[in-house]
Amino acid sequence: MKGRYNFLIAPLACFLLAFTFMPAYCLADTVALKNGDVLTGRVLTPAFELSTPYGGISVAATRIRSIRMKQEDNSVFILQTINNDLFSGVLLENGIDITLNTGATLPVTIDRVSAIVFDRDKPTAKINTTVFFMKNKDRFSGKLLNKALHIRTDHELLGFKASDFSLIIFNGNKKVSANTLVSDKTSVVGILMENQLKIEPESVSLIAPCVGYIEKIQFNAEKLVADKSLAKGIKTFDSDGDGVPDTIDKCPETICIDQVDEKGCPILMDSDKDGVPDKKDACPGTPKGLTVDSNGCWVMYMTNFSFDRFKIQPKYFEGLDFAAGVMKSNPEIRAEIQGHTDNKGTTAYNHGLSIERARAVVAYLVKKGVPEKQIKAVGYGFDRPLQSNDTEEGRAQNRRVQIQQIP
């Protein structure tokens, strides 16, 4: 019989069997399937693994109360332990085995499962512990293993032991406000200097979440638990806390990297899409479509000059007008207007000539409305050739002014 009535019939049948011929098969684990069927018996899977946003966890089945599919996201499961901790993430098991109350053992693929509820009803007791609240609504008790935490305020750098705190609230990625247990009940607001916290949750091996995943930490909090022992987890699962299990992590030391790929290796972020990764980009936020150098800074090679001259030729006006538009539309940009020469003549003469060329372009840009504070003229003589000065063509290329954004 299928559908919602199975949820009632299976436990009722077990209850009747307990007083007849098959008490050994009356086990109370239940597996709810997406099609409405309910299987009752004993789940044989010894442990379950979740990939959470802040790291991977592995929990022994004996420590689990239930695993339920998240209603708003069928790819995410919420695991509740016997001590009422909550972990959510992608369930990594492909399937489970369950011995039914009939005695048969049935394999079930995870993609068919909506919930697994274990027979874990036990009396609870009150304890005081540290509770960690994550930004994805997970919560769990455990131990903070960092020997010290450091908070930089507006005035000084302060160091604390974990035992100094009563509450830490994470207001931003690393900005925290903390209440301490010192005699004057000090409240501290500042930047947490640690990128990562080492935590040993109850029932889970060591995890090392980046602080950006944590909402708050409540110390000496009251909690109802079914097992006061607060058992340790069965194995380390995601050592670097990047959300990729150690078993498939090709880059096991990506500590608090913003994004990693499915192999656990860093994704080179390029926020302004200029082709230079953010970590190497000296000029973040470059306007779209501009040419940049290897440091991610705008560079424009656009004005050449006749030999021994610093007058701008009309054919370069259009390019200069474009540069002026970029500068006016992006007042945060600062740039050097760099003058250059070929190697004909003395060093001193060419240095002066390069400055005159740069000044000519600065004057043009200012006339077009670019504020003088955004640009400055610099002369480099023939110290920075683009091409070889051994040919006339190369020397013509080197008689130039270029715009170089300043980081």
Protein backbone atom coordinates (compact mmCIF):
# COMPACT_ATOMS: atom_id res chain seq x y z
CA MET A 1 0.00 0.00 0.00
CA LYS A 2 1.54 3.34 -1.04
CA GLY A 3 1.12 6.94 0.04
CA ARG A 4 0.66 8.70 3.29
CA TYR A 5 -1.04 5.78 5.04
CA ASN A 6 2.17 3.73 4.98
CA PHE A 7 3.61 6.09 7.59
CA LEU A 8 0.88 4.91 9.99
CA ILE A 9 0.56 1.29 8.92
CA ALA A 10 4.24 0.31 9.19
CA PRO A 11 4.67 1.36 12.85
CA LEU A 12 1.27 -0.17 13.72
CA ALA A 13 2.28 -3.49 12.16
CA CYS A 14 5.51 -3.43 14.14
CA PHE A 15 3.57 -2.76 17.34
CA LEU A 16 1.35 -5.80 16.70
CA LEU A 17 4.29 -8.01 15.77
CA ALA A 18 6.01 -7.17 19.04
CA PHE A 19 3.30 -9.18 20.83
CA THR A 20 3.26 -12.07 18.38
CA PHE A 21 6.04 -13.87 16.55
CA MET A 22 8.66 -11.38 15.32
CA PRO A 23 9.77 -8.96 18.07
CA ALA A 24 13.36 -8.99 16.77
CA TYR A 25 12.30 -7.18 13.62
CA CYS A 26 10.48 -4.32 15.33
CA LEU A 27 13.09 -1.63 14.83
CA ALA A 28 12.09 1.99 14.68
CA ASP A 29 14.38 3.68 12.15
CA THR A 30 12.29 5.08 9.32
CA VAL A 31 13.22 6.20 5.81
CA ALA A 32 10.72 8.45 4.04
CA LEU A 33 10.90 8.37 0.27
CA LYS A 34 10.03 11.17 -2.11
CA ASN A 35 7.19 9.13 -3.63
CA GLY A 36 5.42 8.96 -0.25
CA ASP A 37 6.51 5.45 0.77
CA VAL A 38 7.91 4.92 4.26
CA LEU A 39 10.38 2.12 5.09
CA THR A 40 10.65 0.96 8.69
CA GLY A 41 13.51 -1.10 10.05
CA ARG A 42 17.18 -0.62 10.84
CA VAL A 43 19.47 1.70 8.84
CA LEU A 44 22.82 -0.08 8.42
CA THR A 45 24.94 2.83 7.17
CA PRO A 46 27.56 3.42 9.92
CA ALA A 47 28.19 7.14 9.29
CA PHE A 48 27.02 10.04 7.14
CA GLU A 49 29.09 12.75 5.48
CA LEU A 50 27.96 16.28 4.63
CA SER A 51 29.76 18.93 2.61
CA THR A 52 28.79 22.18 4.34
CA PRO A 53 29.71 25.72 3.23
CA TYR A 54 32.29 25.95 6.05
CA GLY A 55 33.81 22.47 5.77
CA GLY A 56 33.06 18.79 5.54
CA ILE A 57 31.73 16.77 8.46
CA SER A 58 31.33 13.08 9.17
CA VAL A 59 28.96 11.90 11.92
CA ALA A 60 28.49 8.36 13.22
CA ALA A 61 24.94 7.12 12.72
CA THR A 62 24.66 6.37 16.44
CA ARG A 63 24.99 10.14 17.09
CA ILE A 64 22.27 11.17 14.59
CA ARG A 65 18.61 11.79 15.39
CA SER A 66 17.44 12.64 11.86
CA ILE A 67 18.48 13.69 8.36
CA ARG A 68 15.85 15.64 6.46
CA MET A 69 15.80 17.16 3.00
CA LYS A 70 15.58 20.96 3.07
CA GLN A 71 12.19 21.94 1.69
CA GLU A 72 13.38 24.97 -0.28
CA ASP A 73 16.42 23.18 -1.74
CA ASN A 74 16.21 19.45 -2.53
CA SER A 75 19.99 19.18 -2.90
CA VAL A 76 20.58 20.12 0.75
CA PHE A 77 19.96 17.93 3.80
CA ILE A 78 19.76 19.02 7.45
CA LEU A 79 21.39 16.61 9.89
CA GLN A 80 20.28 16.79 13.53
CA THR A 81 22.36 14.99 16.17
CA ILE A 82 21.08 13.39 19.35
CA ASN A 83 22.28 16.51 21.18
CA ASN A 84 20.26 18.81 18.90
CA ASP A 85 23.13 20.15 16.84
CA LEU A 86 22.21 21.11 13.27
CA PHE A 87 24.43 20.74 10.21
CA SER A 88 23.25 21.37 6.65
CA GLY A 89 24.87 20.62 3.32
CA VAL A 90 25.13 18.18 0.46
CA LEU A 91 24.83 14.57 1.60
CA LEU A 92 27.72 12.66 0.04
CA GLU A 93 26.42 9.11 0.46
CA ASN A 94 25.18 7.58 -2.79
CA GLY A 95 22.80 5.33 -0.95
CA ILE A 96 21.91 3.52 2.28
CA ASP A 97 20.99 -0.02 3.29
CA ILE A 98 18.03 -0.71 5.55
CA THR A 99 16.98 -4.00 7.12
CA LEU A 100 13.20 -3.95 6.99
CA ASN A 101 10.90 -5.25 9.71
CA THR A 102 10.20 -8.19 7.40
CA GLY A 103 13.86 -9.23 7.71
CA ALA A 104 14.83 -8.28 4.16
CA THR A 105 17.70 -5.85 3.51
CA LEU A 106 16.95 -3.19 0.92
CA PRO A 107 19.39 -0.76 -0.75
CA VAL A 108 18.00 2.75 -1.30
CA THR A 109 19.66 5.47 -3.36
CA ILE A 110 19.87 8.89 -1.71
CA ASP A 111 18.12 10.60 -4.61
CA ARG A 112 14.93 8.77 -3.56
CA VAL A 113 15.14 9.81 0.10
CA SER A 114 13.41 12.79 1.70
CA ALA A 115 14.11 11.93 5.37
CA ILE A 116 15.84 9.42 7.63
CA VAL A 117 14.67 9.30 11.25
CA PHE A 118 16.58 7.15 13.73
CA ASP A 119 15.29 5.53 16.91
CA ARG A 120 17.16 7.80 19.29
CA ASP A 121 14.62 8.82 21.94
CA LYS A 122 16.54 9.33 25.16
CA PRO A 123 16.05 11.51 28.24
CA THR A 124 17.85 14.84 28.12
CA ALA A 125 19.99 16.68 30.64
CA LYS A 126 21.13 20.29 30.89
CA ILE A 127 24.79 21.20 30.41
CA ASN A 128 26.83 24.37 29.90
CA THR A 129 28.90 24.46 26.75
CA THR A 130 30.08 26.68 23.89
CA VAL A 131 27.60 26.99 21.03
CA PHE A 132 28.60 28.10 17.54
CA PHE A 133 25.98 29.75 15.29
CA MET A 134 26.80 29.78 11.57
CA LYS A 135 25.45 32.20 8.98
CA ASN A 136 23.65 29.40 7.13
CA LYS A 137 21.55 28.74 10.31
CA ASP A 138 23.59 25.71 11.42
CA ARG A 139 24.38 25.51 15.12
CA PHE A 140 26.45 23.13 17.20
CA SER A 141 28.21 22.83 20.52
CA GLY A 142 31.89 22.10 20.87
CA LYS A 143 35.29 23.45 21.81
CA LEU A 144 37.16 26.47 20.46
CA LEU A 145 40.74 25.22 20.14
CA ASN A 146 42.50 28.50 19.28
CA LYS A 147 44.80 29.24 22.18
CA ALA A 148 44.36 32.99 21.68
CA LEU A 149 42.30 35.43 19.63
CA HIS A 150 43.48 38.90 18.65
CA ILE A 151 41.21 41.90 18.02
CA ARG A 152 42.49 45.15 16.55
CA THR A 153 40.50 48.12 17.78
CA ASP A 154 40.81 51.69 16.54
CA HIS A 155 43.58 52.25 19.08
CA GLU A 156 45.39 49.00 19.86
CA LEU A 157 45.81 45.27 19.30
CA LEU A 158 44.33 43.16 22.10
CA GLY A 159 44.90 39.47 22.82
CA PHE A 160 42.41 37.20 24.60
CA LYS A 161 42.10 33.58 25.67
CA ALA A 162 38.89 31.76 24.79
CA SER A 163 38.03 31.70 28.49
CA ASP A 164 37.95 35.52 28.50
CA PHE A 165 34.82 35.67 26.34
CA SER A 166 31.14 35.36 27.07
CA LEU A 167 29.94 36.24 23.55
CA ILE A 168 31.48 37.03 20.16
CA ILE A 169 29.27 38.50 17.43
CA PHE A 170 30.58 38.71 13.87
CA ASN A 171 29.20 41.93 12.36
CA GLY A 172 30.96 41.64 9.03
CA ASN A 173 33.50 39.41 7.33
CA LYS A 174 36.03 39.95 10.12
CA LYS A 175 34.59 42.78 12.20
CA VAL A 176 33.52 41.55 15.62
CA SER A 177 32.01 42.83 18.82
CA ALA A 178 32.89 40.78 21.87
CA ASN A 179 31.82 40.74 25.50
CA THR A 180 34.52 39.48 27.81
CA LEU A 181 34.37 37.93 31.24
CA VAL A 182 36.94 40.22 32.79
CA SER A 183 35.92 41.97 35.99
CA ASP A 184 34.70 45.15 34.31
CA LYS A 185 32.56 43.31 31.71
CA THR A 186 34.46 44.96 28.89
CA SER A 187 32.92 45.11 25.42
CA VAL A 188 35.38 45.19 22.55
CA VAL A 189 34.68 46.17 18.94
CA GLY A 190 37.29 45.66 16.25
CA ILE A 191 38.75 43.43 13.55
CA LEU A 192 39.51 39.81 14.38
CA MET A 193 43.03 39.16 13.16
CA GLU A 194 42.60 35.39 12.78
CA ASN A 195 41.29 34.27 9.38
CA GLN A 196 40.20 30.88 10.65
CA LEU A 197 39.00 29.33 13.89
CA LYS A 198 39.80 25.79 14.95
CA ILE A 199 36.67 24.14 16.31
CA GLU A 200 35.99 20.64 17.57
CA PRO A 201 32.21 20.20 17.41
CA GLU A 202 30.54 17.47 19.43
CA SER A 203 30.26 14.31 17.27
CA VAL A 204 32.47 15.84 14.56
CA SER A 205 36.24 15.88 14.11
CA LEU A 206 38.19 19.12 13.93
CA ILE A 207 36.88 21.71 11.46
CA ALA A 208 38.52 25.01 10.62
CA PRO A 209 35.89 27.41 9.25
CA CYS A 210 36.83 30.83 7.96
CA VAL A 211 35.44 33.53 10.25
CA GLY A 212 33.24 34.81 7.44
CA TYR A 213 30.95 31.79 7.91
CA ILE A 214 30.34 32.38 11.63
CA GLU A 215 27.48 34.50 12.98
CA LYS A 216 28.22 34.31 16.70
CA ILE A 217 29.79 32.22 19.45
CA GLN A 218 27.99 31.89 22.80
CA PHE A 219 30.22 30.74 25.63
CA ASN A 220 28.96 28.99 28.77
CA ALA A 221 25.55 28.51 27.14
CA GLU A 222 22.88 26.21 28.58
CA LYS A 223 21.86 23.32 26.34
CA LEU A 224 19.73 20.18 26.60
CA VAL A 225 21.58 17.05 25.49
CA ALA A 226 20.86 13.34 25.35
CA ASP A 227 24.51 12.43 25.93
CA LYS A 228 26.70 14.45 28.29
CA SER A 229 29.87 12.83 27.00
CA LEU A 230 30.02 15.19 23.99
CA ALA A 231 31.80 12.52 21.98
CA LYS A 232 34.47 13.39 19.44
CA GLY A 233 33.93 12.75 15.75
CA ILE A 234 35.09 9.65 13.97
CA LYS A 235 37.49 11.23 11.44
CA THR A 236 38.83 14.42 9.95
CA PHE A 237 36.94 15.14 6.76
CA ASP A 238 37.81 18.59 5.36
CA SER A 239 41.06 19.79 6.90
CA ASP A 240 41.27 23.19 5.19
CA GLY A 241 37.60 24.11 5.58
CA ASP A 242 37.01 24.89 1.90
CA GLY A 243 33.93 22.67 1.61
CA VAL A 244 35.69 20.02 -0.49
CA PRO A 245 36.32 16.66 1.25
CA ASP A 246 39.95 15.65 1.82
CA THR A 247 39.39 12.51 -0.25
CA ILE A 248 39.00 14.54 -3.46
CA ASP A 249 40.79 17.78 -2.47
CA LYS A 250 43.70 18.39 -4.86
CA CYS A 251 44.71 21.58 -3.03
CA PRO A 252 44.47 20.66 0.69
CA GLU A 253 45.94 23.92 1.98
CA THR A 254 43.51 26.48 0.55
CA ILE A 255 42.89 28.25 3.85
CA CYS A 256 40.01 30.73 3.61
CA ILE A 257 40.24 31.18 -0.14
CA ASP A 258 37.21 33.12 -1.41
CA GLN A 259 36.25 30.46 -3.93
CA VAL A 260 37.53 27.03 -4.87
CA ASP A 261 36.58 24.72 -7.71
CA GLU A 262 35.18 21.21 -7.40
CA LYS A 263 38.73 19.89 -6.81
CA GLY A 264 39.34 22.29 -3.91
CA CYS A 265 41.76 24.51 -5.84
CA PRO A 266 41.50 28.32 -5.89
CA ILE A 267 39.40 30.01 -8.53
CA LEU A 268 41.30 33.08 -9.64
CA MET A 269 38.76 35.83 -9.10
CA ASP A 270 38.84 38.79 -11.49
CA SER A 271 36.19 41.19 -10.23
CA ASP A 272 36.75 43.91 -12.83
CA LYS A 273 37.17 41.40 -15.70
CA ASP A 274 40.41 42.94 -16.90
CA GLY A 275 42.27 39.64 -17.20
CA VAL A 276 44.36 40.15 -14.05
CA PRO A 277 43.37 38.12 -10.94
CA ASP A 278 42.25 40.18 -7.95
CA LYS A 279 45.22 39.05 -5.87
CA LYS A 280 47.63 40.52 -8.42
CA ASP A 281 45.49 43.49 -9.45
CA ALA A 282 47.10 46.73 -8.27
CA CYS A 283 44.25 48.76 -9.78
CA PRO A 284 40.96 47.00 -8.88
CA GLY A 285 37.80 48.32 -10.47
CA THR A 286 39.30 49.21 -13.84
CA PRO A 287 36.49 50.38 -16.15
CA LYS A 288 35.36 47.74 -18.61
CA GLY A 289 37.08 47.67 -22.00
CA LEU A 290 40.31 49.45 -21.09
CA THR A 291 43.73 48.00 -21.89
CA VAL A 292 45.68 47.11 -18.73
CA ASP A 293 49.25 46.13 -17.99
CA SER A 294 50.38 43.02 -16.11
CA ASN A 295 49.46 44.73 -12.82
CA GLY A 296 45.86 45.37 -13.88
CA CYS A 297 46.36 49.13 -14.35
CA TRP A 298 45.07 51.08 -17.34
CA VAL A 299 47.73 51.93 -19.92
CA MET A 300 47.24 53.78 -23.20
CA TYR A 301 49.95 53.97 -25.86
CA MET A 302 48.47 56.53 -28.18
CA THR A 303 50.47 59.65 -29.04
CA ASN A 304 53.64 59.72 -31.17
CA PHE A 305 55.69 62.78 -32.08
CA SER A 306 57.88 63.96 -34.89
CA PHE A 307 61.62 64.01 -34.29
CA ASP A 308 62.64 66.70 -31.78
CA ARG A 309 59.06 68.01 -31.48
CA PHE A 310 56.42 68.09 -28.73
CA LYS A 311 53.43 69.36 -30.69
CA ILE A 312 50.47 66.93 -30.70
CA GLN A 313 49.45 65.84 -34.18
CA PRO A 314 45.69 66.18 -34.94
CA LYS A 315 45.35 62.47 -35.73
CA TYR A 316 45.77 61.74 -32.00
CA PHE A 317 42.99 64.09 -30.83
CA GLU A 318 40.32 61.39 -30.99
CA GLY A 319 42.32 59.07 -28.74
CA LEU A 320 43.02 61.87 -26.28
CA ASP A 321 39.33 62.78 -26.20
CA PHE A 322 38.54 59.18 -25.31
CA ALA A 323 41.12 59.27 -22.51
CA ALA A 324 39.64 62.51 -21.21
CA GLY A 325 36.19 60.89 -21.12
CA VAL A 326 37.53 57.95 -19.13
CA MET A 327 39.19 60.25 -16.60
CA LYS A 328 36.12 62.45 -16.16
CA SER A 329 33.80 59.46 -15.78
CA ASN A 330 36.12 57.85 -13.23
CA PRO A 331 37.39 60.61 -10.93
CA GLU A 332 39.06 58.04 -8.66
CA ILE A 333 41.61 57.25 -11.39
CA ARG A 334 45.04 58.86 -11.01
CA ALA A 335 47.49 58.67 -13.90
CA GLU A 336 50.97 59.61 -14.96
CA ILE A 337 51.24 61.20 -18.38
CA GLN A 338 54.60 59.76 -19.36
CA GLY A 339 56.78 61.38 -22.00
CA HIS A 340 59.46 59.41 -23.91
CA THR A 341 62.04 59.98 -26.65
CA ASP A 342 64.33 58.04 -28.92
CA ASN A 343 68.08 57.94 -28.21
CA LYS A 344 69.19 60.65 -30.57
CA GLY A 345 70.87 63.40 -28.56
CA THR A 346 72.09 63.73 -24.98
CA THR A 347 70.44 62.29 -21.91
CA ALA A 348 69.74 65.73 -20.46
CA TYR A 349 68.24 67.09 -23.68
CA ASN A 350 65.97 64.10 -24.18
CA HIS A 351 64.81 64.21 -20.57
CA GLY A 352 63.67 67.79 -21.04
CA LEU A 353 62.03 66.98 -24.37
CA SER A 354 60.11 64.06 -22.81
CA ILE A 355 58.73 66.34 -20.09
CA GLU A 356 57.57 68.88 -22.70
CA ARG A 357 55.72 66.12 -24.56
CA ALA A 358 54.03 64.98 -21.35
CA ARG A 359 53.06 68.55 -20.46
CA ALA A 360 51.52 69.05 -23.90
CA VAL A 361 49.21 66.08 -23.36
CA VAL A 362 48.36 67.19 -19.80
CA ALA A 363 47.40 70.62 -21.14
CA TYR A 364 45.16 69.02 -23.77
CA LEU A 365 43.40 66.80 -21.21
CA VAL A 366 42.88 69.67 -18.78
CA LYS A 367 41.41 71.75 -21.61
CA LYS A 368 38.96 68.87 -22.19
CA GLY A 369 37.82 69.01 -18.58
CA VAL A 370 40.08 66.55 -16.74
CA PRO A 371 40.92 67.89 -13.23
CA GLU A 372 44.62 68.62 -12.83
CA LYS A 373 44.73 66.59 -9.59
CA GLN A 374 44.08 63.41 -11.59
CA ILE A 375 47.13 63.66 -13.83
CA LYS A 376 50.77 64.63 -13.65
CA ALA A 377 53.46 65.00 -16.29
CA VAL A 378 56.59 62.84 -15.98
CA GLY A 379 59.52 62.62 -18.40
CA TYR A 380 61.61 59.46 -18.86
CA GLY A 381 63.84 60.50 -21.76
CA PHE A 382 65.03 57.43 -23.65
CA ASP A 383 65.23 55.17 -20.55
CA ARG A 384 62.07 53.18 -21.37
CA PRO A 385 61.97 52.32 -25.08
CA LEU A 386 59.08 50.30 -26.47
CA GLN A 387 61.09 49.17 -29.49
CA SER A 388 64.74 49.01 -30.48
CA ASN A 389 66.35 52.38 -31.21
CA ASP A 390 68.52 50.74 -33.88
CA THR A 391 65.94 51.34 -36.63
CA GLU A 392 64.04 54.42 -37.75
CA GLU A 393 60.74 52.57 -37.28
CA GLY A 394 61.67 51.65 -33.71
CA ARG A 395 62.76 55.21 -32.89
CA ALA A 396 59.45 56.58 -34.23
CA GLN A 397 57.57 54.24 -31.89
CA ASN A 398 59.63 55.40 -28.93
CA ARG A 399 58.88 59.12 -29.49
CA ARG A 400 55.63 58.91 -27.56
CA VAL A 401 53.45 59.84 -24.60
CA GLN A 402 51.52 57.12 -22.79
CA ILE A 403 48.92 57.27 -20.05
CA GLN A 404 49.73 55.01 -17.11
CA GLN A 405 47.25 54.59 -14.25
CA ILE A 406 48.81 54.92 -10.80
CA PRO A 407 47.78 52.26 -8.22
